[in-house]
Amino acid sequence: MSTTRYTSAGGLVLGVLVCFALGISSFVRSGQDASMAATQRTATAQVTKTNRTRIDSSGHSQSTLSCDYRFTVDGVLFAGSGCPVLDPNESIRQRLLDGLTGAHQFSATVYYDPNDPSTNSLTEFAARSGYDNKMGILLIGLGIILLVLVALGMLMSNNQNTSVPARAAAPDAPAPVPEGSSPGEQQFLEDLDHSLRSAENPDHSSTN
């Protein structure tokens, strides 16, 4: 197998491992979010949305929404970050799309774990669980596809390697029969010559 093929196979194997690792991680988060969805509490958070603009390598500007929020539970202040892109009612997302320039503040419902309010989100944990589960399925599926490609590549490489000894052994094969002759004809001539020699010396064996 050439160096290029080794590099391609190594990249595919690495892709398989990454996809499986991320997929398993998504399934774990989905289970955790599903557990918190059953006990989640809500509070009102003050959200500050900031639209950050950056210039990419090609010179184009890209805008990124950033959401930071604060809320209080039993007199204790907690903070979080992350825009609610999974809001099922689209109400908060529409607020995010309003006035993309500069900071924009509004109130929103925050969902938190009553045992640890620092675990919180502007998206319901049930919706997060469903999203993580879908991502896990997609990643595992992609990993399986890459694994099949690796197996096919190894199979094709083995087939090519087994054909090389067969071609190398070709020079050891019997030399080709000269044109105009055949092995049967050569054997017939040799037998005929031997018979004629025996007929010319019928007492050869007895004299010896």
N, C-alpha and C. Protein backbone atom coordinates (compact mmCIF):
# COMPACT_ATOMS: atom_id res chain seq x y z
N MET A 1 0.86 -1.20 0.00
CA MET A 1 0.00 0.00 0.00
C MET A 1 0.88 1.24 0.00
N SER A 2 0.60 2.19 -0.86
CA SER A 2 1.42 3.38 -0.98
C SER A 2 1.22 4.30 0.22
N THR A 3 2.14 5.30 0.30
CA THR A 3 2.04 6.26 1.41
C THR A 3 0.74 7.03 1.36
N THR A 4 0.28 7.38 0.16
CA THR A 4 -0.98 8.11 0.03
C THR A 4 -2.15 7.29 0.55
N ARG A 5 -2.13 5.98 0.23
CA ARG A 5 -3.22 5.13 0.70
C ARG A 5 -3.18 4.97 2.21
N TYR A 6 -1.97 4.84 2.77
CA TYR A 6 -1.85 4.77 4.23
C TYR A 6 -2.40 6.04 4.87
N THR A 7 -2.08 7.20 4.29
CA THR A 7 -2.56 8.47 4.84
C THR A 7 -4.08 8.56 4.76
N SER A 8 -4.65 8.15 3.62
CA SER A 8 -6.11 8.19 3.47
C SER A 8 -6.79 7.25 4.45
N ALA A 9 -6.24 6.03 4.60
CA ALA A 9 -6.83 5.07 5.53
C ALA A 9 -6.74 5.58 6.96
N GLY A 10 -5.60 6.19 7.30
CA GLY A 10 -5.44 6.74 8.65
C GLY A 10 -6.43 7.87 8.92
N GLY A 11 -6.65 8.72 7.91
CA GLY A 11 -7.62 9.79 8.08
C GLY A 11 -9.02 9.27 8.28
N LEU A 12 -9.39 8.22 7.54
CA LEU A 12 -10.72 7.63 7.68
C LEU A 12 -10.89 7.00 9.05
N VAL A 13 -9.86 6.29 9.52
CA VAL A 13 -9.94 5.67 10.85
C VAL A 13 -10.09 6.74 11.93
N LEU A 14 -9.33 7.82 11.80
CA LEU A 14 -9.45 8.92 12.76
C LEU A 14 -10.85 9.52 12.72
N GLY A 15 -11.40 9.67 11.51
CA GLY A 15 -12.76 10.19 11.39
C GLY A 15 -13.78 9.29 12.05
N VAL A 16 -13.59 7.97 11.92
CA VAL A 16 -14.49 7.01 12.57
C VAL A 16 -14.45 7.18 14.08
N LEU A 17 -13.24 7.26 14.63
CA LEU A 17 -13.10 7.41 16.08
C LEU A 17 -13.72 8.71 16.59
N VAL A 18 -13.50 9.80 15.84
CA VAL A 18 -14.05 11.09 16.26
C VAL A 18 -15.58 11.07 16.21
N CYS A 19 -16.13 10.51 15.13
CA CYS A 19 -17.60 10.45 15.00
C CYS A 19 -18.21 9.60 16.12
N PHE A 20 -17.61 8.46 16.41
CA PHE A 20 -18.14 7.60 17.46
C PHE A 20 -18.03 8.28 18.83
N ALA A 21 -16.90 8.96 19.08
CA ALA A 21 -16.72 9.63 20.37
C ALA A 21 -17.73 10.76 20.54
N LEU A 22 -17.90 11.59 19.50
CA LEU A 22 -18.86 12.68 19.60
C LEU A 22 -20.30 12.17 19.67
N GLY A 23 -20.58 11.08 18.94
CA GLY A 23 -21.92 10.51 18.99
C GLY A 23 -22.27 9.98 20.37
N ILE A 24 -21.34 9.26 20.97
CA ILE A 24 -21.56 8.74 22.32
C ILE A 24 -21.73 9.89 23.31
N SER A 25 -20.90 10.92 23.15
CA SER A 25 -21.02 12.09 24.02
C SER A 25 -22.39 12.75 23.87
N SER A 26 -22.91 12.81 22.66
CA SER A 26 -24.24 13.40 22.44
C SER A 26 -25.32 12.57 23.11
N PHE A 27 -25.21 11.26 23.03
CA PHE A 27 -26.20 10.39 23.69
C PHE A 27 -26.15 10.56 25.20
N VAL A 28 -24.93 10.72 25.75
CA VAL A 28 -24.80 10.93 27.20
C VAL A 28 -25.46 12.24 27.60
N ARG A 29 -25.20 13.33 26.84
CA ARG A 29 -25.84 14.61 27.15
C ARG A 29 -27.35 14.52 27.00
N SER A 30 -27.81 13.77 26.00
CA SER A 30 -29.26 13.62 25.82
C SER A 30 -29.90 12.97 27.04
N GLY A 31 -29.23 11.94 27.58
CA GLY A 31 -29.76 11.30 28.78
C GLY A 31 -29.76 12.23 29.98
N GLN A 32 -28.70 13.02 30.11
CA GLN A 32 -28.64 13.96 31.23
C GLN A 32 -29.71 15.03 31.12
N ASP A 33 -29.90 15.56 29.90
CA ASP A 33 -30.94 16.58 29.71
C ASP A 33 -32.33 16.01 29.94
N ALA A 34 -32.54 14.75 29.53
CA ALA A 34 -33.84 14.13 29.76
C ALA A 34 -34.12 13.98 31.25
N SER A 35 -33.09 13.66 32.02
CA SER A 35 -33.27 13.53 33.48
C SER A 35 -33.60 14.87 34.11
N MET A 36 -32.92 15.93 33.65
CA MET A 36 -33.19 17.26 34.22
C MET A 36 -34.52 17.82 33.76
N ALA A 37 -35.02 17.36 32.59
CA ALA A 37 -36.31 17.86 32.11
C ALA A 37 -37.44 17.49 33.06
N ALA A 38 -37.29 16.36 33.76
CA ALA A 38 -38.35 15.93 34.67
C ALA A 38 -38.39 16.75 35.95
N THR A 39 -37.30 17.39 36.33
CA THR A 39 -37.23 18.13 37.59
C THR A 39 -36.90 19.61 37.40
N GLN A 40 -36.82 20.09 36.18
CA GLN A 40 -36.38 21.45 35.92
C GLN A 40 -37.29 22.48 36.57
N ARG A 41 -36.71 23.60 36.94
CA ARG A 41 -37.46 24.74 37.45
C ARG A 41 -37.25 25.90 36.50
N THR A 42 -38.08 26.92 36.64
CA THR A 42 -37.97 28.07 35.77
C THR A 42 -37.81 29.35 36.58
N ALA A 43 -37.20 30.31 35.96
CA ALA A 43 -37.05 31.63 36.56
C ALA A 43 -37.00 32.64 35.42
N THR A 44 -37.12 33.90 35.78
CA THR A 44 -37.05 34.96 34.78
C THR A 44 -35.63 35.51 34.74
N ALA A 45 -35.06 35.49 33.53
CA ALA A 45 -33.69 35.96 33.36
C ALA A 45 -33.66 37.25 32.56
N GLN A 46 -32.70 38.09 32.87
CA GLN A 46 -32.45 39.29 32.09
C GLN A 46 -31.34 38.97 31.08
N VAL A 47 -31.71 39.02 29.81
CA VAL A 47 -30.81 38.58 28.74
C VAL A 47 -30.21 39.81 28.04
N THR A 48 -28.94 39.74 27.81
CA THR A 48 -28.24 40.76 27.02
C THR A 48 -27.71 40.09 25.77
N LYS A 49 -28.21 40.55 24.65
CA LYS A 49 -27.80 39.98 23.37
C LYS A 49 -26.82 40.92 22.70
N THR A 50 -25.71 40.36 22.23
CA THR A 50 -24.69 41.15 21.55
C THR A 50 -24.41 40.53 20.20
N ASN A 51 -24.34 41.37 19.20
CA ASN A 51 -24.01 40.91 17.86
C ASN A 51 -22.54 41.21 17.59
N ARG A 52 -21.72 40.17 17.56
CA ARG A 52 -20.29 40.33 17.34
C ARG A 52 -19.98 40.09 15.86
N THR A 53 -19.20 40.97 15.30
CA THR A 53 -18.80 40.87 13.89
C THR A 53 -17.30 40.63 13.80
N ARG A 54 -16.92 39.69 12.97
CA ARG A 54 -15.51 39.42 12.76
C ARG A 54 -15.24 39.25 11.26
N ILE A 55 -14.03 39.47 10.89
CA ILE A 55 -13.61 39.36 9.49
C ILE A 55 -12.88 38.03 9.31
N ASP A 56 -13.37 37.21 8.36
CA ASP A 56 -12.72 35.92 8.12
C ASP A 56 -11.51 36.09 7.21
N SER A 57 -10.85 34.98 6.91
CA SER A 57 -9.61 35.02 6.12
C SER A 57 -9.83 35.54 4.71
N SER A 58 -11.06 35.38 4.19
CA SER A 58 -11.33 35.85 2.83
C SER A 58 -11.74 37.32 2.79
N GLY A 59 -11.81 37.97 3.96
CA GLY A 59 -12.15 39.38 4.00
C GLY A 59 -13.63 39.66 4.18
N HIS A 60 -14.46 38.62 4.31
CA HIS A 60 -15.89 38.82 4.50
C HIS A 60 -16.22 38.93 5.99
N SER A 61 -17.20 39.74 6.30
CA SER A 61 -17.62 39.92 7.68
C SER A 61 -18.67 38.88 8.05
N GLN A 62 -18.54 38.33 9.24
CA GLN A 62 -19.49 37.35 9.75
C GLN A 62 -20.02 37.82 11.09
N SER A 63 -21.35 37.72 11.26
CA SER A 63 -22.00 38.16 12.50
C SER A 63 -22.36 36.95 13.35
N THR A 64 -22.07 37.06 14.64
CA THR A 64 -22.35 35.99 15.58
C THR A 64 -23.14 36.55 16.75
N LEU A 65 -24.25 35.91 17.07
CA LEU A 65 -25.06 36.33 18.20
C LEU A 65 -24.51 35.73 19.49
N SER A 66 -24.44 36.55 20.52
CA SER A 66 -23.98 36.10 21.83
C SER A 66 -25.01 36.52 22.87
N CYS A 67 -25.46 35.58 23.68
CA CYS A 67 -26.47 35.86 24.70
C CYS A 67 -25.91 35.58 26.09
N ASP A 68 -25.91 36.57 26.92
CA ASP A 68 -25.52 36.41 28.32
C ASP A 68 -26.72 36.78 29.18
N TYR A 69 -26.97 36.01 30.22
CA TYR A 69 -28.15 36.28 31.04
C TYR A 69 -27.84 36.04 32.52
N ARG A 70 -28.68 36.67 33.35
CA ARG A 70 -28.57 36.54 34.81
C ARG A 70 -29.96 36.30 35.38
N PHE A 71 -30.00 35.49 36.44
CA PHE A 71 -31.26 35.22 37.13
C PHE A 71 -30.98 34.90 38.59
N THR A 72 -32.02 34.98 39.38
CA THR A 72 -31.87 34.82 40.82
C THR A 72 -32.70 33.63 41.29
N VAL A 73 -32.11 32.79 42.15
CA VAL A 73 -32.79 31.64 42.77
C VAL A 73 -32.54 31.72 44.27
N ASP A 74 -33.62 31.92 45.04
CA ASP A 74 -33.53 32.02 46.50
C ASP A 74 -32.52 33.09 46.94
N GLY A 75 -32.54 34.19 46.21
CA GLY A 75 -31.68 35.32 46.57
C GLY A 75 -30.25 35.19 46.08
N VAL A 76 -29.93 34.11 45.41
CA VAL A 76 -28.57 33.91 44.90
C VAL A 76 -28.55 34.20 43.40
N LEU A 77 -27.58 34.99 42.96
CA LEU A 77 -27.50 35.37 41.55
C LEU A 77 -26.71 34.31 40.76
N PHE A 78 -27.27 33.89 39.65
CA PHE A 78 -26.61 32.94 38.76
C PHE A 78 -26.53 33.56 37.36
N ALA A 79 -25.56 33.08 36.60
CA ALA A 79 -25.35 33.59 35.24
C ALA A 79 -25.23 32.44 34.27
N GLY A 80 -25.51 32.73 33.03
CA GLY A 80 -25.38 31.72 31.97
C GLY A 80 -25.18 32.40 30.64
N SER A 81 -24.92 31.59 29.63
CA SER A 81 -24.73 32.12 28.28
C SER A 81 -25.21 31.10 27.28
N GLY A 82 -25.54 31.58 26.10
CA GLY A 82 -26.03 30.70 25.04
C GLY A 82 -27.38 31.14 24.54
N CYS A 83 -27.50 31.34 23.24
CA CYS A 83 -28.76 31.78 22.67
C CYS A 83 -29.73 30.61 22.54
N PRO A 84 -31.01 30.86 22.76
CA PRO A 84 -32.01 29.78 22.72
C PRO A 84 -32.42 29.43 21.29
N VAL A 85 -31.54 28.80 20.55
CA VAL A 85 -31.84 28.49 19.15
C VAL A 85 -32.88 27.38 19.01
N LEU A 86 -33.21 26.69 20.12
CA LEU A 86 -34.17 25.59 20.06
C LEU A 86 -35.52 25.98 20.63
N ASP A 87 -35.77 27.26 20.78
CA ASP A 87 -37.04 27.72 21.33
C ASP A 87 -38.19 27.25 20.45
N PRO A 88 -39.08 26.37 20.95
CA PRO A 88 -40.13 25.81 20.08
C PRO A 88 -41.15 26.84 19.60
N ASN A 89 -41.34 27.90 20.37
CA ASN A 89 -42.35 28.89 20.01
C ASN A 89 -41.78 30.02 19.14
N GLU A 90 -40.46 30.02 18.92
CA GLU A 90 -39.81 31.01 18.07
C GLU A 90 -39.94 32.43 18.62
N SER A 91 -40.53 32.57 19.80
CA SER A 91 -40.74 33.93 20.31
C SER A 91 -39.42 34.58 20.70
N ILE A 92 -38.57 33.83 21.40
CA ILE A 92 -37.29 34.41 21.82
C ILE A 92 -36.37 34.59 20.62
N ARG A 93 -36.40 33.63 19.71
CA ARG A 93 -35.56 33.75 18.53
C ARG A 93 -35.92 35.00 17.73
N GLN A 94 -37.20 35.31 17.66
CA GLN A 94 -37.61 36.50 16.93
C GLN A 94 -37.08 37.76 17.61
N ARG A 95 -37.05 37.75 18.94
CA ARG A 95 -36.49 38.89 19.65
C ARG A 95 -35.00 39.03 19.33
N LEU A 96 -34.33 37.89 19.19
CA LEU A 96 -32.90 37.93 18.90
C LEU A 96 -32.65 38.53 17.53
N LEU A 97 -33.57 38.27 16.61
CA LEU A 97 -33.39 38.77 15.25
C LEU A 97 -33.73 40.25 15.14
N ASP A 98 -34.43 40.79 16.12
CA ASP A 98 -34.78 42.21 16.10
C ASP A 98 -33.59 43.05 16.54
N GLY A 99 -33.25 44.04 15.75
CA GLY A 99 -32.19 44.96 16.14
C GLY A 99 -30.86 44.27 16.29
N LEU A 100 -30.26 43.81 15.20
CA LEU A 100 -29.01 43.07 15.28
C LEU A 100 -27.82 43.96 15.60
N THR A 101 -28.01 45.24 15.65
CA THR A 101 -26.89 46.15 15.88
C THR A 101 -26.81 46.51 17.36
N GLY A 102 -25.61 46.33 17.95
CA GLY A 102 -25.41 46.71 19.34
C GLY A 102 -26.06 45.74 20.32
N ALA A 103 -26.02 46.11 21.58
CA ALA A 103 -26.58 45.27 22.65
C ALA A 103 -28.09 45.44 22.70
N HIS A 104 -28.77 44.37 23.07
CA HIS A 104 -30.22 44.39 23.15
C HIS A 104 -30.63 43.56 24.37
N GLN A 105 -31.41 44.12 25.24
CA GLN A 105 -31.79 43.46 26.48
C GLN A 105 -33.28 43.14 26.48
N PHE A 106 -33.61 41.99 27.05
CA PHE A 106 -35.00 41.60 27.20
C PHE A 106 -35.08 40.52 28.27
N SER A 107 -36.29 40.22 28.71
CA SER A 107 -36.53 39.19 29.71
C SER A 107 -36.92 37.89 29.02
N ALA A 108 -36.51 36.77 29.59
CA ALA A 108 -36.82 35.46 29.02
C ALA A 108 -36.87 34.44 30.14
N THR A 109 -37.51 33.33 29.88
CA THR A 109 -37.59 32.23 30.84
C THR A 109 -36.32 31.39 30.76
N VAL A 110 -35.73 31.16 31.92
CA VAL A 110 -34.55 30.31 31.99
C VAL A 110 -34.93 29.02 32.71
N TYR A 111 -34.39 27.90 32.25
CA TYR A 111 -34.65 26.58 32.84
C TYR A 111 -33.38 26.13 33.55
N TYR A 112 -33.54 25.67 34.80
CA TYR A 112 -32.35 25.30 35.57
C TYR A 112 -32.62 24.05 36.40
N ASP A 113 -31.51 23.44 36.79
CA ASP A 113 -31.56 22.26 37.64
C ASP A 113 -31.71 22.72 39.09
N PRO A 114 -32.78 22.32 39.80
CA PRO A 114 -32.98 22.81 41.17
C PRO A 114 -31.86 22.36 42.12
N ASN A 115 -31.20 21.25 41.81
CA ASN A 115 -30.10 20.80 42.66
C ASN A 115 -28.82 21.58 42.40
N ASP A 116 -28.71 22.16 41.22
CA ASP A 116 -27.53 22.95 40.86
C ASP A 116 -27.94 23.99 39.82
N PRO A 117 -28.42 25.16 40.27
CA PRO A 117 -28.89 26.19 39.33
C PRO A 117 -27.84 26.68 38.34
N SER A 118 -26.56 26.37 38.60
CA SER A 118 -25.54 26.77 37.64
C SER A 118 -25.66 25.97 36.34
N THR A 119 -26.41 24.87 36.39
CA THR A 119 -26.75 24.14 35.17
C THR A 119 -28.06 24.70 34.66
N ASN A 120 -28.01 25.51 33.65
CA ASN A 120 -29.19 26.23 33.20
C ASN A 120 -29.14 26.43 31.70
N SER A 121 -30.26 26.84 31.15
CA SER A 121 -30.34 27.05 29.71
C SER A 121 -31.58 27.87 29.39
N LEU A 122 -31.52 28.65 28.31
CA LEU A 122 -32.70 29.34 27.81
C LEU A 122 -33.55 28.43 26.94
N THR A 123 -33.11 27.20 26.73
CA THR A 123 -33.86 26.19 25.99
C THR A 123 -34.32 25.11 26.96
N GLU A 124 -35.55 24.65 26.82
CA GLU A 124 -36.04 23.58 27.68
C GLU A 124 -35.15 22.35 27.55
N PHE A 125 -34.94 21.67 28.67
CA PHE A 125 -34.06 20.50 28.67
C PHE A 125 -34.62 19.37 27.82
N ALA A 126 -35.94 19.29 27.71
CA ALA A 126 -36.53 18.25 26.86
C ALA A 126 -36.16 18.48 25.40
N ALA A 127 -36.20 19.76 24.97
CA ALA A 127 -35.82 20.08 23.59
C ALA A 127 -34.34 19.84 23.38
N ARG A 128 -33.51 20.17 24.38
CA ARG A 128 -32.08 19.91 24.28
C ARG A 128 -31.80 18.41 24.17
N SER A 129 -32.56 17.62 24.93
CA SER A 129 -32.38 16.17 24.89
C SER A 129 -32.68 15.61 23.50
N GLY A 130 -33.78 16.08 22.90
CA GLY A 130 -34.13 15.61 21.57
C GLY A 130 -33.09 16.01 20.53
N TYR A 131 -32.57 17.23 20.67
CA TYR A 131 -31.55 17.71 19.73
C TYR A 131 -30.27 16.89 19.86
N ASP A 132 -29.83 16.65 21.10
CA ASP A 132 -28.62 15.86 21.32
C ASP A 132 -28.79 14.43 20.82
N ASN A 133 -29.98 13.88 20.99
CA ASN A 133 -30.21 12.51 20.51
C ASN A 133 -30.10 12.44 18.98
N LYS A 134 -30.68 13.43 18.29
CA LYS A 134 -30.57 13.45 16.83
C LYS A 134 -29.12 13.60 16.37
N MET A 135 -28.38 14.45 17.07
CA MET A 135 -26.97 14.63 16.71
C MET A 135 -26.19 13.34 16.93
N GLY A 136 -26.51 12.61 18.00
CA GLY A 136 -25.84 11.35 18.26
C GLY A 136 -26.10 10.33 17.16
N ILE A 137 -27.35 10.27 16.69
CA ILE A 137 -27.69 9.33 15.62
C ILE A 137 -26.94 9.69 14.34
N LEU A 138 -26.91 10.99 14.01
CA LEU A 138 -26.21 11.42 12.79
C LEU A 138 -24.72 11.12 12.86
N LEU A 139 -24.11 11.37 14.01
CA LEU A 139 -22.67 11.15 14.14
C LEU A 139 -22.32 9.67 14.09
N ILE A 140 -23.11 8.83 14.77
CA ILE A 140 -22.84 7.39 14.73
C ILE A 140 -23.05 6.86 13.31
N GLY A 141 -24.10 7.35 12.64
CA GLY A 141 -24.34 6.93 11.26
C GLY A 141 -23.18 7.30 10.35
N LEU A 142 -22.66 8.52 10.51
CA LEU A 142 -21.51 8.95 9.72
C LEU A 142 -20.29 8.09 10.02
N GLY A 143 -20.10 7.74 11.29
CA GLY A 143 -18.98 6.89 11.66
C GLY A 143 -19.08 5.51 11.03
N ILE A 144 -20.30 4.96 10.95
CA ILE A 144 -20.49 3.65 10.31
C ILE A 144 -20.16 3.72 8.82
N ILE A 145 -20.58 4.81 8.17
CA ILE A 145 -20.27 4.98 6.74
C ILE A 145 -18.76 5.02 6.52
N LEU A 146 -18.06 5.78 7.36
CA LEU A 146 -16.60 5.85 7.24
C LEU A 146 -15.95 4.50 7.52
N LEU A 147 -16.52 3.74 8.47
CA LEU A 147 -15.98 2.42 8.78
C LEU A 147 -16.13 1.47 7.60
N VAL A 148 -17.25 1.56 6.90
CA VAL A 148 -17.45 0.74 5.70
C VAL A 148 -16.43 1.10 4.63
N LEU A 149 -16.15 2.39 4.48
CA LEU A 149 -15.15 2.82 3.50
C LEU A 149 -13.77 2.28 3.86
N VAL A 150 -13.44 2.27 5.15
CA VAL A 150 -12.15 1.71 5.57
C VAL A 150 -12.07 0.22 5.24
N ALA A 151 -13.16 -0.52 5.52
CA ALA A 151 -13.18 -1.96 5.24
C ALA A 151 -13.04 -2.23 3.75
N LEU A 152 -13.73 -1.44 2.92
CA LEU A 152 -13.62 -1.62 1.47
C LEU A 152 -12.20 -1.32 0.98
N GLY A 153 -11.58 -0.29 1.54
CA GLY A 153 -10.22 0.04 1.15
C GLY A 153 -9.24 -1.06 1.50
N MET A 154 -9.40 -1.65 2.70
CA MET A 154 -8.52 -2.75 3.10
C MET A 154 -8.74 -3.98 2.22
N LEU A 155 -9.98 -4.26 1.87
CA LEU A 155 -10.27 -5.40 1.01
C LEU A 155 -9.65 -5.23 -0.36
N MET A 156 -9.77 -4.04 -0.94
CA MET A 156 -9.19 -3.79 -2.25
C MET A 156 -7.67 -3.88 -2.19
N SER A 157 -7.07 -3.39 -1.10
CA SER A 157 -5.62 -3.46 -0.96
C SER A 157 -5.14 -4.90 -0.85
N ASN A 158 -5.86 -5.74 -0.12
CA ASN A 158 -5.48 -7.15 0.01
C ASN A 158 -5.58 -7.87 -1.32
N ASN A 159 -6.60 -7.56 -2.11
CA ASN A 159 -6.74 -8.19 -3.42
C ASN A 159 -5.57 -7.82 -4.34
N GLN A 160 -5.13 -6.58 -4.27
CA GLN A 160 -4.01 -6.15 -5.10
C GLN A 160 -2.71 -6.81 -4.65
N ASN A 161 -2.53 -6.98 -3.33
CA ASN A 161 -1.31 -7.59 -2.82
C ASN A 161 -1.21 -9.06 -3.18
N THR A 162 -2.34 -9.78 -3.20
CA THR A 162 -2.32 -11.20 -3.53
C THR A 162 -2.08 -11.45 -5.00
N SER A 163 -2.34 -10.47 -5.86
CA SER A 163 -2.11 -10.63 -7.29
C SER A 163 -0.66 -10.43 -7.67
N VAL A 164 0.15 -9.77 -6.83
CA VAL A 164 1.55 -9.52 -7.14
C VAL A 164 2.38 -10.79 -7.15
N PRO A 165 2.30 -11.73 -6.16
CA PRO A 165 3.10 -12.96 -6.22
C PRO A 165 2.78 -13.80 -7.43
N ALA A 166 1.54 -13.80 -7.89
CA ALA A 166 1.18 -14.59 -9.05
C ALA A 166 1.90 -14.08 -10.28
N ARG A 167 2.01 -12.75 -10.41
CA ARG A 167 2.72 -12.20 -11.55
C ARG A 167 4.22 -12.40 -11.42
N ALA A 168 4.76 -12.39 -10.19
CA ALA A 168 6.19 -12.59 -9.98
C ALA A 168 6.60 -14.02 -10.26
N ALA A 169 5.70 -14.97 -10.07
CA ALA A 169 6.02 -16.37 -10.29
C ALA A 169 5.98 -16.74 -11.75
N ALA A 170 5.51 -15.88 -12.60
CA ALA A 170 5.38 -16.20 -14.03
C ALA A 170 6.71 -16.55 -14.68
N PRO A 171 7.87 -15.89 -14.36
CA PRO A 171 9.13 -16.24 -15.02
C PRO A 171 9.58 -17.65 -14.73
N ASP A 172 9.16 -18.30 -13.62
CA ASP A 172 9.56 -19.66 -13.28
C ASP A 172 8.76 -20.70 -14.01
N ALA A 173 7.76 -20.30 -14.76
CA ALA A 173 6.93 -21.25 -15.49
C ALA A 173 7.74 -21.88 -16.61
N PRO A 174 7.33 -23.05 -17.12
CA PRO A 174 8.06 -23.71 -18.20
C PRO A 174 8.20 -22.79 -19.40
N ALA A 175 9.33 -22.93 -20.09
CA ALA A 175 9.58 -22.10 -21.27
C ALA A 175 8.55 -22.42 -22.33
N PRO A 176 8.12 -21.41 -23.08
CA PRO A 176 7.11 -21.66 -24.11
C PRO A 176 7.65 -22.59 -25.19
N VAL A 177 6.77 -23.40 -25.77
CA VAL A 177 7.12 -24.34 -26.83
C VAL A 177 7.44 -23.56 -28.09
N PRO A 178 8.54 -23.89 -28.81
CA PRO A 178 8.87 -23.14 -30.03
C PRO A 178 7.74 -23.19 -31.03
N GLU A 179 7.67 -22.15 -31.83
CA GLU A 179 6.62 -22.08 -32.83
C GLU A 179 6.73 -23.24 -33.81
N GLY A 180 5.64 -23.87 -34.17
CA GLY A 180 5.61 -25.00 -35.10
C GLY A 180 5.77 -26.35 -34.43
N SER A 181 5.91 -26.35 -33.10
CA SER A 181 6.06 -27.63 -32.39
C SER A 181 5.16 -27.62 -31.18
N SER A 182 4.94 -28.81 -30.61
CA SER A 182 4.10 -28.96 -29.44
C SER A 182 4.71 -30.02 -28.54
N PRO A 183 4.39 -29.99 -27.25
CA PRO A 183 4.96 -31.00 -26.33
C PRO A 183 4.61 -32.41 -26.78
N GLY A 184 3.44 -32.65 -27.32
CA GLY A 184 3.05 -33.99 -27.75
C GLY A 184 3.91 -34.47 -28.91
N GLU A 185 4.16 -33.55 -29.83
CA GLU A 185 5.00 -33.93 -30.98
C GLU A 185 6.42 -34.21 -30.56
N GLN A 186 6.96 -33.42 -29.63
CA GLN A 186 8.32 -33.66 -29.15
C GLN A 186 8.42 -35.03 -28.46
N GLN A 187 7.44 -35.34 -27.63
CA GLN A 187 7.47 -36.63 -26.94
C GLN A 187 7.36 -37.79 -27.94
N PHE A 188 6.51 -37.61 -28.98
CA PHE A 188 6.35 -38.66 -30.00
C PHE A 188 7.66 -38.90 -30.72
N LEU A 189 8.39 -37.83 -31.08
CA LEU A 189 9.67 -37.99 -31.78
C LEU A 189 10.70 -38.67 -30.91
N GLU A 190 10.72 -38.32 -29.63
CA GLU A 190 11.67 -38.97 -28.72
C GLU A 190 11.38 -40.45 -28.58
N ASP A 191 10.08 -40.81 -28.45
CA ASP A 191 9.72 -42.23 -28.33
C ASP A 191 10.06 -42.98 -29.63
N LEU A 192 9.81 -42.36 -30.78
CA LEU A 192 10.12 -43.01 -32.05
C LEU A 192 11.61 -43.24 -32.20
N ASP A 193 12.42 -42.28 -31.81
CA ASP A 193 13.86 -42.44 -31.89
C ASP A 193 14.36 -43.56 -31.00
N HIS A 194 13.76 -43.63 -29.82
CA HIS A 194 14.15 -44.70 -28.90
C HIS A 194 13.76 -46.06 -29.45
N SER A 195 12.61 -46.15 -30.09
CA SER A 195 12.16 -47.44 -30.65
C SER A 195 13.06 -47.87 -31.80
N LEU A 196 13.47 -46.94 -32.67
CA LEU A 196 14.35 -47.27 -33.78
C LEU A 196 15.71 -47.75 -33.30
N ARG A 197 16.23 -47.10 -32.26
CA ARG A 197 17.51 -47.52 -31.73
C ARG A 197 17.43 -48.92 -31.13
N SER A 198 16.33 -49.22 -30.51
CA SER A 198 16.15 -50.56 -29.93
C SER A 198 16.04 -51.60 -31.02
N ALA A 199 15.37 -51.27 -32.16
CA ALA A 199 15.21 -52.22 -33.25
C ALA A 199 16.54 -52.51 -33.94
N GLU A 200 17.43 -51.49 -34.02
CA GLU A 200 18.71 -51.69 -34.67
C GLU A 200 19.64 -52.57 -33.84
N ASN A 201 19.49 -52.60 -32.55
CA ASN A 201 20.33 -53.42 -31.67
C ASN A 201 19.45 -54.31 -30.81
N PRO A 202 18.89 -55.37 -31.43
CA PRO A 202 17.96 -56.22 -30.69
C PRO A 202 18.66 -57.00 -29.59
N ASP A 203 19.96 -57.29 -29.74
CA ASP A 203 20.66 -58.12 -28.71
C ASP A 203 21.48 -57.25 -27.79
N HIS A 204 21.21 -55.91 -27.83
CA HIS A 204 22.02 -54.99 -27.04
C HIS A 204 21.94 -55.31 -25.55
N SER A 205 20.72 -55.60 -25.13
CA SER A 205 20.54 -55.85 -23.71
C SER A 205 21.16 -57.16 -23.29
N SER A 206 21.11 -58.21 -24.20
CA SER A 206 21.62 -59.52 -23.83
C SER A 206 23.14 -59.55 -23.83
N THR A 207 23.79 -58.83 -24.79
CA THR A 207 25.24 -58.79 -24.84
C THR A 207 25.84 -58.14 -23.64
N ASN A 208 25.08 -57.22 -23.02
CA ASN A 208 25.56 -56.60 -21.82
C ASN A 208 25.26 -57.44 -20.61
